[in-house]
Amino acid sequence: MQDGHTRKLEPGVAAQALFLARHRISLVVIGGDASGQEYELDSEQVTLGRGPGATFTFADGAMSKQHAALDLGGEGYRVRDLGSTNGLMVNGSEVSAADLKHGDKLVLGEHTLQYLVESRESVRTYELSQDD
């Protein structure tokens, strides 16, 4: 509608919002100096690297300043290499881009991160059981 009050949504925007509403997405560092850190993904795009412009930064000389980006789609995140010097690996294979699934392992520089997807329902159930 062109009435000045209604805006047209870009394709996929509703699917992206729905995916985030139904799922908690995080990256957990399982190897490297930042082991144990967890980063929740809750925006359309995040960047990983050692530079000040990255969403999540790492003190890792083998990582480029802007090493990789994660872009949200209707079914989850897709990771893509941003022209890094040392490349990007997903589950042991070098890739330029890949759709991520629960449990996938990403290697950037000297860090290994695991992509985790939890349904919001299971997160709420866990939180309720902790309050008992």
N, C-alpha and C. Protein backbone atom coordinates (compact mmCIF):
# COMPACT_ATOMS: atom_id res chain seq x y z
N MET A 1 0.86 -1.17 0.00
CA MET A 1 0.00 0.00 0.00
C MET A 1 0.89 1.22 0.00
N GLN A 2 0.59 2.19 -0.77
CA GLN A 2 1.39 3.40 -0.90
C GLN A 2 0.70 4.58 -0.20
N ASP A 3 0.26 4.41 1.03
CA ASP A 3 -0.47 5.45 1.74
C ASP A 3 0.42 6.31 2.64
N GLY A 4 1.69 6.02 2.65
CA GLY A 4 2.60 6.76 3.50
C GLY A 4 2.70 6.21 4.92
N HIS A 5 1.87 5.24 5.25
CA HIS A 5 1.88 4.67 6.59
C HIS A 5 2.30 3.21 6.61
N THR A 6 2.27 2.59 5.47
CA THR A 6 2.60 1.17 5.38
C THR A 6 3.89 1.03 4.60
N ARG A 7 4.78 0.19 5.10
CA ARG A 7 6.03 -0.03 4.38
C ARG A 7 6.09 -1.45 3.88
N LYS A 8 6.73 -1.63 2.77
CA LYS A 8 6.88 -2.95 2.19
C LYS A 8 8.07 -3.63 2.83
N LEU A 9 7.89 -4.86 3.29
CA LEU A 9 8.98 -5.64 3.87
C LEU A 9 9.79 -6.27 2.76
N GLU A 10 11.10 -6.30 2.95
CA GLU A 10 11.95 -7.00 1.99
C GLU A 10 11.68 -8.49 2.12
N PRO A 11 11.83 -9.24 1.02
CA PRO A 11 11.62 -10.69 1.11
C PRO A 11 12.53 -11.31 2.17
N GLY A 12 11.97 -12.18 2.96
CA GLY A 12 12.76 -12.89 3.95
C GLY A 12 12.82 -12.22 5.31
N VAL A 13 12.45 -10.94 5.41
CA VAL A 13 12.56 -10.24 6.69
C VAL A 13 11.66 -10.90 7.73
N ALA A 14 10.43 -11.24 7.37
CA ALA A 14 9.52 -11.88 8.32
C ALA A 14 10.06 -13.25 8.72
N ALA A 15 10.62 -14.00 7.77
CA ALA A 15 11.17 -15.33 8.07
C ALA A 15 12.36 -15.22 9.01
N GLN A 16 13.19 -14.20 8.83
CA GLN A 16 14.35 -13.99 9.70
C GLN A 16 13.89 -13.69 11.13
N ALA A 17 12.93 -12.78 11.25
CA ALA A 17 12.43 -12.40 12.57
C ALA A 17 11.79 -13.61 13.26
N LEU A 18 11.06 -14.39 12.51
CA LEU A 18 10.42 -15.58 13.06
C LEU A 18 11.47 -16.59 13.53
N PHE A 19 12.52 -16.77 12.74
CA PHE A 19 13.58 -17.71 13.13
C PHE A 19 14.20 -17.29 14.45
N LEU A 20 14.53 -16.01 14.59
CA LEU A 20 15.13 -15.54 15.85
C LEU A 20 14.15 -15.60 17.01
N ALA A 21 12.87 -15.40 16.74
CA ALA A 21 11.87 -15.49 17.81
C ALA A 21 11.75 -16.92 18.33
N ARG A 22 11.96 -17.88 17.46
CA ARG A 22 11.80 -19.29 17.83
C ARG A 22 13.08 -19.98 18.28
N HIS A 23 14.24 -19.34 18.03
CA HIS A 23 15.51 -19.99 18.32
C HIS A 23 16.48 -19.06 19.03
N ARG A 24 17.29 -19.64 19.87
CA ARG A 24 18.43 -18.93 20.47
C ARG A 24 19.65 -19.46 19.74
N ILE A 25 20.42 -18.56 19.13
CA ILE A 25 21.59 -18.93 18.35
C ILE A 25 22.82 -18.38 19.05
N SER A 26 23.86 -19.19 19.15
CA SER A 26 25.10 -18.71 19.76
C SER A 26 26.31 -19.37 19.12
N LEU A 27 27.43 -18.70 19.29
CA LEU A 27 28.74 -19.24 18.94
C LEU A 27 29.50 -19.42 20.24
N VAL A 28 30.00 -20.61 20.47
CA VAL A 28 30.79 -20.88 21.67
C VAL A 28 32.21 -21.17 21.22
N VAL A 29 33.17 -20.48 21.83
CA VAL A 29 34.57 -20.70 21.49
C VAL A 29 35.04 -21.95 22.21
N ILE A 30 35.43 -22.96 21.43
CA ILE A 30 35.85 -24.24 22.02
C ILE A 30 37.34 -24.49 21.83
N GLY A 31 38.04 -23.59 21.16
CA GLY A 31 39.48 -23.71 20.99
C GLY A 31 40.10 -22.35 20.73
N GLY A 32 41.25 -22.09 21.33
CA GLY A 32 41.92 -20.80 21.19
C GLY A 32 41.92 -20.05 22.51
N ASP A 33 42.56 -18.88 22.51
CA ASP A 33 42.70 -18.09 23.73
C ASP A 33 41.37 -17.68 24.36
N ALA A 34 40.32 -17.56 23.55
CA ALA A 34 39.03 -17.11 24.06
C ALA A 34 38.11 -18.28 24.44
N SER A 35 38.68 -19.48 24.62
CA SER A 35 37.88 -20.67 24.96
C SER A 35 36.94 -20.40 26.11
N GLY A 36 35.71 -20.88 25.95
CA GLY A 36 34.71 -20.70 26.99
C GLY A 36 33.80 -19.51 26.77
N GLN A 37 34.20 -18.57 25.92
CA GLN A 37 33.35 -17.41 25.62
C GLN A 37 32.16 -17.85 24.79
N GLU A 38 31.02 -17.23 25.04
CA GLU A 38 29.82 -17.50 24.25
C GLU A 38 29.28 -16.18 23.73
N TYR A 39 28.93 -16.17 22.45
CA TYR A 39 28.41 -14.97 21.79
C TYR A 39 27.03 -15.28 21.24
N GLU A 40 26.01 -14.57 21.71
CA GLU A 40 24.66 -14.78 21.19
C GLU A 40 24.49 -13.99 19.90
N LEU A 41 23.90 -14.65 18.90
CA LEU A 41 23.64 -14.02 17.61
C LEU A 41 22.18 -13.60 17.59
N ASP A 42 21.95 -12.30 17.45
CA ASP A 42 20.56 -11.83 17.47
C ASP A 42 20.32 -10.69 16.48
N SER A 43 21.19 -10.56 15.49
CA SER A 43 21.00 -9.53 14.48
C SER A 43 21.16 -10.13 13.09
N GLU A 44 20.81 -9.36 12.07
CA GLU A 44 20.84 -9.86 10.70
C GLU A 44 22.24 -10.20 10.23
N GLN A 45 23.24 -9.48 10.73
CA GLN A 45 24.61 -9.78 10.32
C GLN A 45 25.56 -9.48 11.48
N VAL A 46 26.54 -10.36 11.66
CA VAL A 46 27.63 -10.12 12.60
C VAL A 46 28.93 -10.41 11.88
N THR A 47 29.98 -9.73 12.29
CA THR A 47 31.29 -9.98 11.72
C THR A 47 32.24 -10.45 12.81
N LEU A 48 33.18 -11.29 12.41
CA LEU A 48 34.19 -11.83 13.32
C LEU A 48 35.55 -11.43 12.80
N GLY A 49 36.44 -11.03 13.70
CA GLY A 49 37.79 -10.66 13.29
C GLY A 49 38.57 -10.09 14.45
N ARG A 50 39.77 -9.59 14.14
CA ARG A 50 40.60 -9.01 15.20
C ARG A 50 40.58 -7.49 15.19
N GLY A 51 39.88 -6.91 14.21
CA GLY A 51 39.86 -5.45 14.07
C GLY A 51 38.75 -4.78 14.85
N PRO A 52 38.89 -3.48 15.08
CA PRO A 52 37.90 -2.75 15.86
C PRO A 52 36.52 -2.67 15.19
N GLY A 53 36.42 -2.90 13.90
CA GLY A 53 35.13 -2.83 13.22
C GLY A 53 34.33 -4.11 13.29
N ALA A 54 34.90 -5.19 13.81
CA ALA A 54 34.20 -6.47 13.88
C ALA A 54 33.19 -6.45 15.03
N THR A 55 32.07 -7.15 14.84
CA THR A 55 31.06 -7.25 15.90
C THR A 55 31.66 -7.99 17.10
N PHE A 56 32.32 -9.11 16.83
CA PHE A 56 33.00 -9.89 17.87
C PHE A 56 34.48 -9.92 17.53
N THR A 57 35.31 -9.40 18.44
CA THR A 57 36.74 -9.32 18.17
C THR A 57 37.52 -10.34 18.99
N PHE A 58 38.62 -10.77 18.40
CA PHE A 58 39.49 -11.77 19.01
C PHE A 58 40.93 -11.28 18.95
N ALA A 59 41.69 -11.54 20.00
CA ALA A 59 43.12 -11.25 20.01
C ALA A 59 43.82 -12.45 19.37
N ASP A 60 43.88 -12.43 18.05
CA ASP A 60 44.37 -13.58 17.30
C ASP A 60 45.11 -13.06 16.07
N GLY A 61 46.43 -13.15 16.09
CA GLY A 61 47.24 -12.65 14.98
C GLY A 61 47.04 -13.40 13.68
N ALA A 62 46.46 -14.60 13.74
CA ALA A 62 46.20 -15.39 12.53
C ALA A 62 44.83 -15.07 11.93
N MET A 63 44.08 -14.21 12.60
CA MET A 63 42.74 -13.83 12.13
C MET A 63 42.84 -12.47 11.45
N SER A 64 42.15 -12.29 10.35
CA SER A 64 42.12 -11.00 9.66
C SER A 64 41.28 -10.00 10.46
N LYS A 65 41.47 -8.71 10.18
CA LYS A 65 40.70 -7.68 10.88
C LYS A 65 39.21 -7.88 10.68
N GLN A 66 38.79 -8.18 9.48
CA GLN A 66 37.41 -8.53 9.14
C GLN A 66 37.49 -9.91 8.50
N HIS A 67 37.42 -10.95 9.27
CA HIS A 67 37.71 -12.31 8.81
C HIS A 67 36.49 -12.98 8.16
N ALA A 68 35.35 -12.96 8.85
CA ALA A 68 34.15 -13.66 8.34
C ALA A 68 32.90 -12.92 8.79
N ALA A 69 31.81 -13.15 8.04
CA ALA A 69 30.51 -12.58 8.38
C ALA A 69 29.50 -13.71 8.49
N LEU A 70 28.54 -13.53 9.37
CA LEU A 70 27.41 -14.45 9.48
C LEU A 70 26.17 -13.65 9.12
N ASP A 71 25.45 -14.12 8.10
CA ASP A 71 24.25 -13.44 7.60
C ASP A 71 23.04 -14.30 7.91
N LEU A 72 21.99 -13.67 8.47
CA LEU A 72 20.79 -14.38 8.84
C LEU A 72 19.86 -14.57 7.65
N GLY A 73 19.41 -15.80 7.47
CA GLY A 73 18.39 -16.12 6.48
C GLY A 73 17.18 -16.69 7.20
N GLY A 74 16.20 -17.16 6.47
CA GLY A 74 14.99 -17.69 7.06
C GLY A 74 15.18 -19.00 7.80
N GLU A 75 16.27 -19.71 7.50
CA GLU A 75 16.53 -21.01 8.13
C GLU A 75 17.75 -21.00 9.04
N GLY A 76 18.30 -19.83 9.32
CA GLY A 76 19.48 -19.73 10.17
C GLY A 76 20.56 -18.88 9.53
N TYR A 77 21.76 -19.01 10.02
CA TYR A 77 22.88 -18.18 9.56
C TYR A 77 23.69 -18.87 8.47
N ARG A 78 24.27 -18.05 7.63
CA ARG A 78 25.21 -18.48 6.60
C ARG A 78 26.51 -17.75 6.90
N VAL A 79 27.62 -18.49 6.93
CA VAL A 79 28.92 -17.88 7.18
C VAL A 79 29.63 -17.68 5.84
N ARG A 80 30.37 -16.58 5.73
CA ARG A 80 31.14 -16.35 4.52
C ARG A 80 32.46 -15.68 4.87
N ASP A 81 33.48 -16.10 4.16
CA ASP A 81 34.81 -15.54 4.33
C ASP A 81 34.83 -14.15 3.71
N LEU A 82 35.47 -13.20 4.37
CA LEU A 82 35.53 -11.83 3.88
C LEU A 82 36.88 -11.54 3.22
N GLY A 83 37.46 -12.54 2.56
CA GLY A 83 38.75 -12.35 1.91
C GLY A 83 39.90 -12.44 2.89
N SER A 84 39.74 -13.25 3.91
CA SER A 84 40.77 -13.37 4.95
C SER A 84 42.05 -13.99 4.38
N THR A 85 43.15 -13.74 5.06
CA THR A 85 44.44 -14.28 4.66
C THR A 85 44.52 -15.78 4.89
N ASN A 86 44.01 -16.25 6.02
CA ASN A 86 44.15 -17.66 6.38
C ASN A 86 42.92 -18.52 6.14
N GLY A 87 41.88 -17.95 5.56
CA GLY A 87 40.71 -18.73 5.18
C GLY A 87 39.78 -19.07 6.33
N LEU A 88 38.74 -19.80 5.96
CA LEU A 88 37.68 -20.20 6.87
C LEU A 88 37.41 -21.68 6.66
N MET A 89 37.30 -22.41 7.77
CA MET A 89 36.97 -23.84 7.69
C MET A 89 35.67 -24.09 8.44
N VAL A 90 34.84 -24.94 7.85
CA VAL A 90 33.62 -25.40 8.51
C VAL A 90 33.66 -26.92 8.51
N ASN A 91 33.63 -27.49 9.69
CA ASN A 91 33.68 -28.95 9.86
C ASN A 91 34.85 -29.59 9.12
N GLY A 92 36.01 -28.93 9.19
CA GLY A 92 37.23 -29.48 8.62
C GLY A 92 37.47 -29.21 7.15
N SER A 93 36.54 -28.55 6.47
CA SER A 93 36.71 -28.24 5.05
C SER A 93 36.81 -26.74 4.84
N GLU A 94 37.77 -26.32 4.00
CA GLU A 94 37.90 -24.91 3.70
C GLU A 94 36.74 -24.49 2.80
N VAL A 95 36.08 -23.39 3.16
CA VAL A 95 34.93 -22.90 2.42
C VAL A 95 35.03 -21.39 2.23
N SER A 96 34.35 -20.90 1.20
CA SER A 96 34.22 -19.45 1.06
C SER A 96 32.88 -19.01 1.67
N ALA A 97 31.90 -19.93 1.70
CA ALA A 97 30.60 -19.68 2.33
C ALA A 97 29.93 -21.01 2.61
N ALA A 98 29.09 -21.03 3.65
CA ALA A 98 28.36 -22.27 3.99
C ALA A 98 27.16 -21.93 4.86
N ASP A 99 26.05 -22.66 4.63
CA ASP A 99 24.90 -22.58 5.52
C ASP A 99 25.24 -23.37 6.77
N LEU A 100 24.95 -22.81 7.94
CA LEU A 100 25.32 -23.46 9.19
C LEU A 100 24.17 -24.26 9.78
N LYS A 101 24.53 -25.36 10.41
CA LYS A 101 23.59 -26.22 11.12
C LYS A 101 24.08 -26.38 12.56
N HIS A 102 23.15 -26.71 13.45
CA HIS A 102 23.49 -26.92 14.85
C HIS A 102 24.69 -27.86 14.98
N GLY A 103 25.67 -27.44 15.76
CA GLY A 103 26.83 -28.27 16.03
C GLY A 103 28.01 -28.04 15.09
N ASP A 104 27.82 -27.29 14.01
CA ASP A 104 28.93 -27.04 13.08
C ASP A 104 30.08 -26.35 13.79
N LYS A 105 31.30 -26.70 13.35
CA LYS A 105 32.51 -26.11 13.93
C LYS A 105 33.19 -25.24 12.88
N LEU A 106 33.49 -24.01 13.28
CA LEU A 106 34.15 -23.04 12.41
C LEU A 106 35.56 -22.80 12.93
N VAL A 107 36.52 -22.74 12.03
CA VAL A 107 37.89 -22.40 12.41
C VAL A 107 38.26 -21.11 11.70
N LEU A 108 38.61 -20.11 12.50
CA LEU A 108 39.07 -18.81 12.02
C LEU A 108 40.36 -18.53 12.75
N GLY A 109 41.44 -18.34 12.03
CA GLY A 109 42.72 -18.13 12.68
C GLY A 109 43.04 -19.29 13.59
N GLU A 110 43.35 -18.98 14.85
CA GLU A 110 43.68 -20.02 15.83
C GLU A 110 42.51 -20.35 16.75
N HIS A 111 41.31 -19.94 16.37
CA HIS A 111 40.12 -20.17 17.19
C HIS A 111 39.15 -21.13 16.51
N THR A 112 38.54 -21.98 17.32
CA THR A 112 37.48 -22.87 16.86
C THR A 112 36.22 -22.48 17.60
N LEU A 113 35.15 -22.28 16.83
CA LEU A 113 33.86 -21.89 17.39
C LEU A 113 32.82 -22.91 16.99
N GLN A 114 31.87 -23.16 17.89
CA GLN A 114 30.79 -24.08 17.58
C GLN A 114 29.48 -23.30 17.50
N TYR A 115 28.72 -23.56 16.43
CA TYR A 115 27.44 -22.92 16.16
C TYR A 115 26.34 -23.73 16.84
N LEU A 116 25.59 -23.10 17.74
CA LEU A 116 24.56 -23.80 18.49
C LEU A 116 23.20 -23.17 18.26
N VAL A 117 22.20 -24.01 18.03
CA VAL A 117 20.82 -23.58 17.82
C VAL A 117 19.95 -24.29 18.85
N GLU A 118 19.22 -23.52 19.64
CA GLU A 118 18.30 -24.09 20.62
C GLU A 118 16.92 -23.49 20.37
N SER A 119 15.88 -24.31 20.52
CA SER A 119 14.54 -23.75 20.39
C SER A 119 14.27 -22.91 21.63
N ARG A 120 13.56 -21.84 21.47
CA ARG A 120 13.24 -20.97 22.62
C ARG A 120 12.44 -21.73 23.66
N GLU A 121 11.63 -22.68 23.24
CA GLU A 121 10.85 -23.49 24.17
C GLU A 121 11.77 -24.26 25.11
N SER A 122 12.82 -24.89 24.57
CA SER A 122 13.73 -25.66 25.42
C SER A 122 14.54 -24.75 26.33
N VAL A 123 14.83 -23.53 25.86
CA VAL A 123 15.55 -22.57 26.71
C VAL A 123 14.66 -22.19 27.89
N ARG A 124 13.38 -21.91 27.62
CA ARG A 124 12.45 -21.55 28.70
C ARG A 124 12.27 -22.71 29.68
N THR A 125 12.15 -23.93 29.19
CA THR A 125 12.00 -25.10 30.05
C THR A 125 13.19 -25.24 30.98
N TYR A 126 14.42 -25.05 30.45
CA TYR A 126 15.62 -25.14 31.25
C TYR A 126 15.62 -24.05 32.33
N GLU A 127 15.27 -22.82 31.94
CA GLU A 127 15.28 -21.72 32.89
C GLU A 127 14.25 -21.97 34.01
N LEU A 128 13.08 -22.51 33.66
CA LEU A 128 12.07 -22.80 34.68
C LEU A 128 12.54 -23.88 35.63
N SER A 129 13.21 -24.91 35.13
CA SER A 129 13.67 -25.99 35.99
C SER A 129 14.78 -25.51 36.93
N GLN A 130 15.52 -24.49 36.56
CA GLN A 130 16.56 -23.94 37.42
C GLN A 130 15.98 -23.16 38.58
N ASP A 131 14.74 -22.63 38.41
CA ASP A 131 14.11 -21.84 39.46
C ASP A 131 13.47 -22.70 40.53
N ASP A 132 13.23 -23.97 40.25
CA ASP A 132 12.55 -24.85 41.20
C ASP A 132 13.37 -25.11 42.44
